Amino acid sequence: MYLFFLLFLSCQSVPDQNSQDSKTVVLNRISVLPAYPETLAVCGIPLPIEDQEVKDRFEREFYTTLHNENMNLQTVKAGNTLIPVLKKMLVENGLPEDLIYLAIAESNLRFVSSPAGATGLWQLMEFVARGEELRINYWVDERNHIEKSTKAAIALVKRLKKKYNDWNLVFAAYNVGEGNIDDNIKFQHVRKFFDLYLNEETSRYIFRIYAAKAIFEKPERWGLPAYEFKSPEFETVKVTGPVENLAKFALEKGVSYRDLRLINPWMKRRGLPDGKYEIALPKDRDAGKYDLSGYSYTKLKAVDNYAASSVDHTVKDGETLLSIALQYDVLVDELKKWNNLKTEMLMNGQKLKIVLK
């Protein structure tokens, strides 16, 4: 009886769809949605907003993006330091500044990895990055190097622009791959993005780029902080490896290990192997800031065979996945993935693979 009473009350609270009150509620809800710019263009290509289907698809991405307030705030803050660097590189290479919104649509200006394996600000896949001679191995992932990854993305975008001569097709191919776009162009016999029927992810992706420009061109329009652009005050130090202890290296240069890793997100481990590296450091650092006289950290396990693709570790009595992970400066989850382990139980004498590349 009580449940019936609640249901009765809830039914009574729903206004008649044909009543004036009902229409007022709907109109009030719609009226709070901010109006987006009537004219939208990315890289000089206008969005055909007069097409109702295009308008509906854009609005979906615009309002979905706009309402993610926490993410948007972080994007603006990251843009304060990253956008000046990216814009400078794009302009120097004769590309439109609007390609910044490609990076925002890809990563929200974060050094992240996707489930598909794309990594960095520009979300480069490994085979693309290696094709542009970026280093990706146990020690480093240069897809997280600001300048080097941007150069790689610029090279890819230039090649795609030369091939398609249409920025929206460039964006689509960047998202889903040239093979997919080439096949659909041939099958559907059209060469304009808005005439193509593509998978939902790629179709939404182009509209996310337009939405990113509408929002992040002038974020203060939408209640976000205005940009306070600042050029990072860094200098590049050329280093020849190996560097066995990056924490000690950082302290000797007058910077904490934490700051070293934040400034150089391409670093993956606590050291660097043989090779030549360009490491960014703050210009205002104080080389005498840290007293190293009491520093006594001893590296537990040196991986000497840098040329190998992997090394084997033989489990000793008392060792755990965590203790082994610490020896090689890897994650427990990495060990489990490399060795197809379902649990953390180990046996004395068991062989574990440590992947170096």
Protein backbone atom coordinates (compact mmCIF):
# COMPACT_ATOMS: atom_id res chain seq x y z
CA MET A 1 0.00 0.00 0.00
CA TYR A 2 2.87 2.39 0.88
CA LEU A 3 4.63 1.65 -2.43
CA PHE A 4 1.38 2.30 -4.30
CA PHE A 5 1.03 5.66 -2.53
CA LEU A 6 4.58 6.69 -3.56
CA LEU A 7 3.90 5.70 -7.15
CA PHE A 8 0.67 7.68 -7.06
CA LEU A 9 2.46 10.80 -5.82
CA SER A 10 5.23 10.49 -8.40
CA CYS A 11 2.67 10.20 -11.19
CA GLN A 12 0.88 13.27 -9.90
CA SER A 13 4.12 15.29 -9.95
CA VAL A 14 4.64 14.79 -13.70
CA PRO A 15 3.10 17.76 -15.53
CA ASP A 16 0.74 17.22 -18.45
CA GLN A 17 2.87 17.24 -21.60
CA ASN A 18 0.26 19.42 -23.30
CA SER A 19 0.05 21.97 -20.49
CA GLN A 20 1.66 25.41 -20.57
CA ASP A 21 3.63 24.52 -17.40
CA SER A 22 5.24 21.58 -19.16
CA LYS A 23 6.32 23.75 -22.08
CA THR A 24 7.72 26.33 -19.68
CA VAL A 25 9.85 23.72 -17.90
CA VAL A 26 11.34 22.54 -21.20
CA LEU A 27 11.98 26.06 -22.43
CA ASN A 28 13.65 27.05 -19.16
CA ARG A 29 15.95 24.06 -19.31
CA ILE A 30 16.99 24.81 -22.88
CA SER A 31 17.52 28.48 -22.15
CA VAL A 32 20.36 27.79 -19.70
CA LEU A 33 22.52 26.18 -22.41
CA PRO A 34 25.14 28.68 -23.57
CA ALA A 35 25.07 29.63 -27.22
CA TYR A 36 28.14 28.61 -29.20
CA PRO A 37 29.63 30.86 -31.92
CA GLU A 38 27.53 30.90 -35.07
CA THR A 39 30.58 30.75 -37.31
CA LEU A 40 33.09 27.98 -36.64
CA ALA A 41 36.17 27.19 -38.69
CA VAL A 42 39.25 25.09 -38.01
CA CYS A 43 42.31 25.57 -40.22
CA GLY A 44 40.12 27.76 -42.43
CA ILE A 45 37.48 25.07 -43.03
CA PRO A 46 34.03 26.25 -41.84
CA LEU A 47 31.69 23.87 -40.10
CA PRO A 48 28.50 23.60 -42.22
CA ILE A 49 26.30 24.34 -39.24
CA GLU A 50 23.36 25.06 -41.55
CA ASP A 51 23.13 21.30 -42.08
CA GLN A 52 20.87 20.13 -39.23
CA GLU A 53 22.57 16.73 -38.98
CA VAL A 54 25.99 18.42 -38.72
CA LYS A 55 24.63 20.89 -36.17
CA ASP A 56 23.24 18.08 -34.01
CA ARG A 57 26.53 16.16 -34.08
CA PHE A 58 28.54 19.28 -33.22
CA GLU A 59 26.23 20.22 -30.34
CA ARG A 60 26.68 16.76 -28.85
CA GLU A 61 30.46 17.19 -28.67
CA PHE A 62 30.35 20.86 -27.71
CA TYR A 63 28.08 20.44 -24.70
CA THR A 64 29.71 17.16 -23.65
CA THR A 65 33.10 18.87 -23.65
CA LEU A 66 31.87 22.10 -22.07
CA HIS A 67 30.31 20.36 -19.07
CA ASN A 68 33.52 18.56 -18.11
CA GLU A 69 34.54 21.51 -15.96
CA ASN A 70 37.40 19.92 -14.04
CA MET A 71 39.04 18.60 -17.20
CA ASN A 72 38.61 21.95 -18.95
CA LEU A 73 40.23 23.82 -16.07
CA GLN A 74 43.23 21.48 -16.18
CA THR A 75 43.48 21.93 -19.95
CA VAL A 76 43.63 25.71 -19.62
CA LYS A 77 46.31 25.46 -16.93
CA ALA A 78 48.38 23.07 -19.04
CA GLY A 79 47.88 25.37 -22.02
CA ASN A 80 49.51 28.26 -20.19
CA THR A 81 52.94 26.67 -20.69
CA LEU A 82 52.35 24.23 -23.56
CA ILE A 83 50.40 26.34 -26.06
CA PRO A 84 53.20 28.93 -26.58
CA VAL A 85 55.68 26.10 -27.28
CA LEU A 86 53.34 24.25 -29.64
CA LYS A 87 52.21 27.38 -31.49
CA LYS A 88 55.79 28.45 -32.10
CA MET A 89 56.71 25.08 -33.59
CA LEU A 90 53.58 24.94 -35.76
CA VAL A 91 54.13 28.44 -37.17
CA GLU A 92 57.83 27.78 -37.81
CA ASN A 93 56.78 24.77 -39.88
CA GLY A 94 54.20 26.68 -41.89
CA LEU A 95 51.20 25.02 -40.27
CA PRO A 96 48.01 26.62 -38.88
CA GLU A 97 47.94 27.42 -35.18
CA ASP A 98 44.56 25.69 -35.05
CA LEU A 99 46.37 22.34 -34.97
CA ILE A 100 46.67 22.98 -31.24
CA TYR A 101 43.03 21.89 -31.02
CA LEU A 102 44.02 18.57 -32.55
CA ALA A 103 46.32 18.05 -29.55
CA ILE A 104 43.56 19.12 -27.16
CA ALA A 105 41.10 16.68 -28.76
CA GLU A 106 43.72 13.94 -28.56
CA SER A 107 45.01 14.34 -25.01
CA ASN A 108 43.65 17.50 -23.35
CA LEU A 109 47.34 18.52 -23.33
CA ARG A 110 48.36 15.65 -21.08
CA PHE A 111 51.06 13.02 -21.27
CA VAL A 112 48.70 10.07 -21.27
CA SER A 113 48.40 6.65 -22.88
CA SER A 114 45.28 5.24 -24.50
CA PRO A 115 44.03 1.65 -24.26
CA ALA A 116 45.11 1.24 -27.90
CA GLY A 117 48.70 2.16 -27.01
CA ALA A 118 48.82 5.75 -28.32
CA THR A 119 50.91 7.97 -26.03
CA GLY A 120 51.74 11.60 -25.35
CA LEU A 121 50.31 15.02 -26.17
CA TRP A 122 49.75 13.97 -29.78
CA GLN A 123 48.74 10.38 -28.97
CA LEU A 124 51.23 8.82 -31.37
CA MET A 125 51.13 5.10 -31.99
CA GLU A 126 54.43 3.28 -31.58
CA PHE A 127 54.90 2.41 -35.26
CA VAL A 128 54.29 6.05 -36.26
CA ALA A 129 56.70 7.35 -33.63
CA ARG A 130 59.43 4.88 -34.58
CA GLY A 131 58.94 5.90 -38.21
CA GLU A 132 59.85 9.43 -37.13
CA GLU A 133 62.90 8.07 -35.24
CA LEU A 134 61.56 8.62 -31.74
CA ARG A 135 63.13 6.36 -29.12
CA ILE A 136 60.74 4.01 -27.33
CA ASN A 137 62.24 1.40 -25.03
CA TYR A 138 62.49 0.26 -21.44
CA TRP A 139 64.22 3.49 -20.46
CA VAL A 140 62.56 6.28 -22.43
CA ASP A 141 59.47 7.08 -24.48
CA GLU A 142 60.05 10.16 -26.60
CA ARG A 143 56.38 10.34 -27.48
CA ASN A 144 56.28 12.18 -24.15
CA HIS A 145 59.03 14.58 -25.23
CA ILE A 146 57.32 17.90 -26.00
CA GLU A 147 59.53 19.06 -28.87
CA LYS A 148 60.37 15.68 -30.40
CA SER A 149 56.80 14.38 -30.33
CA THR A 150 55.55 17.65 -31.82
CA LYS A 151 58.09 17.37 -34.64
CA ALA A 152 56.86 13.84 -35.31
CA ALA A 153 53.20 14.96 -35.30
CA ILE A 154 54.06 17.85 -37.62
CA ALA A 155 55.77 15.49 -40.08
CA LEU A 156 52.74 13.17 -40.05
CA VAL A 157 50.24 16.01 -40.48
CA LYS A 158 52.23 17.53 -43.35
CA ARG A 159 52.30 14.23 -45.19
CA LEU A 160 48.57 13.70 -44.68
CA LYS A 161 47.79 17.25 -45.85
CA LYS A 162 49.80 16.70 -49.02
CA LYS A 163 47.92 13.47 -49.66
CA TYR A 164 44.33 14.58 -48.92
CA ASN A 165 44.47 18.38 -49.31
CA ASP A 166 41.58 18.59 -46.84
CA TRP A 167 42.18 19.28 -43.16
CA ASN A 168 39.14 17.32 -42.00
CA LEU A 169 40.33 14.26 -43.91
CA VAL A 170 43.74 14.82 -42.34
CA PHE A 171 42.14 14.74 -38.88
CA ALA A 172 40.12 11.66 -39.75
CA ALA A 173 43.19 9.81 -41.05
CA TYR A 174 45.14 10.91 -37.98
CA ASN A 175 42.45 9.30 -35.84
CA VAL A 176 41.68 6.06 -37.64
CA GLY A 177 44.54 5.60 -40.09
CA GLU A 178 45.05 6.24 -43.79
CA GLY A 179 44.03 2.75 -44.87
CA ASN A 180 40.55 3.15 -43.40
CA ILE A 181 40.01 6.58 -44.94
CA ASP A 182 41.39 5.51 -48.35
CA ASP A 183 39.09 2.50 -48.40
CA ASN A 184 36.02 4.56 -47.51
CA ILE A 185 36.82 7.25 -50.08
CA LYS A 186 37.14 4.59 -52.77
CA PHE A 187 34.02 2.69 -51.68
CA GLN A 188 31.78 5.73 -51.15
CA HIS A 189 33.24 7.68 -54.11
CA VAL A 190 33.33 11.05 -52.29
CA ARG A 191 36.30 13.06 -51.03
CA LYS A 192 34.79 15.48 -48.51
CA PHE A 193 34.63 14.53 -44.86
CA PHE A 194 31.06 15.69 -44.34
CA ASP A 195 29.95 13.48 -47.24
CA LEU A 196 31.59 10.36 -45.81
CA TYR A 197 29.89 7.79 -43.62
CA LEU A 198 32.54 6.72 -41.09
CA ASN A 199 32.64 4.87 -37.79
CA GLU A 200 31.17 6.75 -34.84
CA GLU A 201 34.49 7.39 -33.08
CA THR A 202 36.05 9.08 -36.12
CA SER A 203 32.87 11.00 -36.94
CA ARG A 204 32.74 12.35 -33.38
CA TYR A 205 36.48 13.04 -33.37
CA ILE A 206 36.34 15.81 -35.99
CA PHE A 207 33.51 17.51 -34.10
CA ARG A 208 35.57 17.31 -30.90
CA ILE A 209 38.26 19.35 -32.65
CA TYR A 210 35.72 22.02 -33.64
CA ALA A 211 34.30 21.97 -30.11
CA ALA A 212 37.81 22.32 -28.66
CA LYS A 213 38.39 25.46 -30.71
CA ALA A 214 35.00 26.92 -29.79
CA ILE A 215 35.77 26.44 -26.09
CA PHE A 216 39.53 26.84 -25.73
CA GLU A 217 40.14 29.68 -28.17
CA LYS A 218 38.80 32.04 -25.49
CA PRO A 219 38.06 29.95 -22.41
CA GLU A 220 36.87 32.93 -20.36
CA ARG A 221 33.71 33.01 -22.48
CA TRP A 222 32.62 29.83 -20.74
CA GLY A 223 33.52 30.71 -17.18
CA LEU A 224 37.02 29.23 -17.37
CA PRO A 225 40.16 31.20 -16.45
CA ALA A 226 41.68 33.28 -19.22
CA TYR A 227 45.07 32.08 -20.40
CA GLU A 228 48.12 33.49 -18.67
CA PHE A 229 50.62 32.33 -21.24
CA LYS A 230 54.17 31.93 -19.98
CA SER A 231 57.20 30.58 -21.76
CA PRO A 232 59.01 27.99 -19.63
CA GLU A 233 62.43 29.17 -18.46
CA PHE A 234 64.40 26.02 -19.26
CA GLU A 235 67.75 25.23 -20.79
CA THR A 236 68.79 22.03 -22.48
CA VAL A 237 71.79 20.11 -21.17
CA LYS A 238 73.41 17.57 -23.48
CA VAL A 239 74.31 14.38 -21.64
CA THR A 240 76.08 11.22 -22.76
CA GLY A 241 74.86 8.10 -20.97
CA PRO A 242 74.81 5.94 -19.09
CA VAL A 243 73.39 7.90 -16.17
CA GLU A 244 72.89 5.23 -13.52
CA ASN A 245 71.22 7.46 -10.95
CA LEU A 246 69.00 10.27 -12.20
CA ALA A 247 68.11 11.41 -8.67
CA LYS A 248 71.76 12.10 -7.90
CA PHE A 249 72.21 13.70 -11.32
CA ALA A 250 69.27 16.03 -10.63
CA LEU A 251 70.49 17.00 -7.15
CA GLU A 252 73.93 17.78 -8.53
CA LYS A 253 72.28 20.12 -11.03
CA GLY A 254 70.30 21.86 -8.28
CA VAL A 255 66.88 20.37 -8.98
CA SER A 256 64.85 17.66 -7.26
CA TYR A 257 64.28 14.29 -8.91
CA ARG A 258 60.54 15.05 -8.88
CA ASP A 259 61.01 18.25 -10.86
CA LEU A 260 63.43 16.54 -13.25
CA ARG A 261 60.83 13.90 -14.10
CA LEU A 262 58.00 16.44 -14.42
CA ILE A 263 60.05 18.59 -16.78
CA ASN A 264 61.21 15.54 -18.77
CA PRO A 265 58.17 13.25 -18.97
CA TRP A 266 59.87 11.13 -21.64
CA MET A 267 62.01 9.51 -18.93
CA LYS A 268 60.60 6.20 -17.70
CA ARG A 269 63.15 4.88 -15.20
CA ARG A 270 65.61 6.02 -12.56
CA GLY A 271 68.52 5.97 -14.97
CA LEU A 272 69.50 6.25 -18.64
CA PRO A 273 71.55 3.79 -20.71
CA ASP A 274 74.27 4.47 -23.28
CA GLY A 275 73.34 7.17 -25.74
CA LYS A 276 73.06 10.91 -26.16
CA TYR A 277 70.29 12.82 -24.42
CA GLU A 278 69.01 16.38 -24.20
CA ILE A 279 67.68 17.00 -20.70
CA ALA A 280 65.65 20.10 -19.86
CA LEU A 281 66.53 21.87 -16.61
CA PRO A 282 65.22 25.10 -15.01
CA LYS A 283 67.35 28.12 -15.81
CA ASP A 284 67.06 29.45 -12.26
CA ARG A 285 68.33 26.30 -10.54
CA ASP A 286 71.04 26.49 -7.88
CA ALA A 287 73.74 23.86 -8.40
CA GLY A 288 74.76 24.13 -4.72
CA LYS A 289 71.26 23.83 -3.34
CA TYR A 290 71.50 20.20 -2.16
CA ASP A 291 74.13 18.72 0.14
CA LEU A 292 75.02 15.27 -1.25
CA SER A 293 77.51 14.34 1.47
CA GLY A 294 74.97 12.04 3.13
CA TYR A 295 73.62 10.50 -0.05
CA SER A 296 74.04 6.71 0.14
CA TYR A 297 71.48 5.10 -2.17
CA THR A 298 72.88 1.98 -3.81
CA LYS A 299 71.28 0.70 -6.97
CA LEU A 300 70.09 -2.85 -6.33
CA LYS A 301 70.18 -4.20 -9.85
CA ALA A 302 72.00 -2.81 -12.88
CA VAL A 303 70.67 -3.86 -16.28
CA ASP A 304 73.96 -3.94 -18.16
CA ASN A 305 72.97 -5.50 -21.47
CA TYR A 306 71.33 -2.42 -22.96
CA ALA A 307 71.30 -3.89 -26.48
CA ALA A 308 69.17 -6.88 -25.49
CA SER A 309 65.41 -6.81 -25.96
CA SER A 310 64.90 -8.47 -22.57
CA VAL A 311 66.72 -10.05 -19.65
CA ASP A 312 65.72 -12.99 -17.46
CA HIS A 313 65.55 -12.86 -13.69
CA THR A 314 65.70 -16.06 -11.66
CA VAL A 315 63.49 -15.85 -8.59
CA LYS A 316 65.36 -16.43 -5.34
CA ASP A 317 63.94 -17.60 -2.05
CA GLY A 318 62.05 -14.79 -0.30
CA GLU A 319 61.72 -12.57 -3.35
CA THR A 320 58.34 -11.07 -4.25
CA LEU A 321 57.06 -9.34 -7.37
CA LEU A 322 57.42 -6.03 -5.53
CA SER A 323 61.04 -6.63 -4.50
CA ILE A 324 61.93 -7.71 -8.04
CA ALA A 325 60.09 -4.72 -9.54
CA LEU A 326 62.13 -2.39 -7.30
CA GLN A 327 65.36 -4.03 -8.40
CA TYR A 328 64.65 -3.32 -12.05
CA ASP A 329 62.77 -0.05 -11.53
CA VAL A 330 59.59 -1.36 -13.11
CA LEU A 331 55.99 -1.72 -12.02
CA VAL A 332 54.47 -4.88 -10.60
CA ASP A 333 51.78 -4.63 -13.27
CA GLU A 334 54.51 -4.57 -15.94
CA LEU A 335 56.06 -7.74 -14.54
CA LYS A 336 52.67 -9.45 -14.52
CA LYS A 337 51.95 -8.36 -18.10
CA TRP A 338 55.35 -9.42 -19.48
CA ASN A 339 55.09 -12.84 -17.85
CA ASN A 340 51.34 -13.49 -18.19
CA LEU A 341 51.00 -13.76 -14.41
CA LYS A 342 47.50 -13.98 -12.98
CA THR A 343 48.63 -13.84 -9.34
CA GLU A 344 51.62 -12.50 -7.41
CA MET A 345 52.70 -15.94 -6.18
CA LEU A 346 56.25 -16.92 -7.21
CA MET A 347 58.27 -20.11 -7.00
CA ASN A 348 61.97 -20.39 -6.16
CA GLY A 349 63.89 -20.75 -9.45
CA GLN A 350 61.07 -19.35 -11.59
CA LYS A 351 62.22 -17.30 -14.61
CA LEU A 352 60.79 -13.82 -15.13
CA LYS A 353 61.26 -11.77 -18.28
CA ILE A 354 62.17 -8.07 -17.94
CA VAL A 355 61.38 -6.28 -21.20
CA LEU A 356 63.91 -3.63 -22.23
CA LYS A 357 62.40 -2.51 -25.54
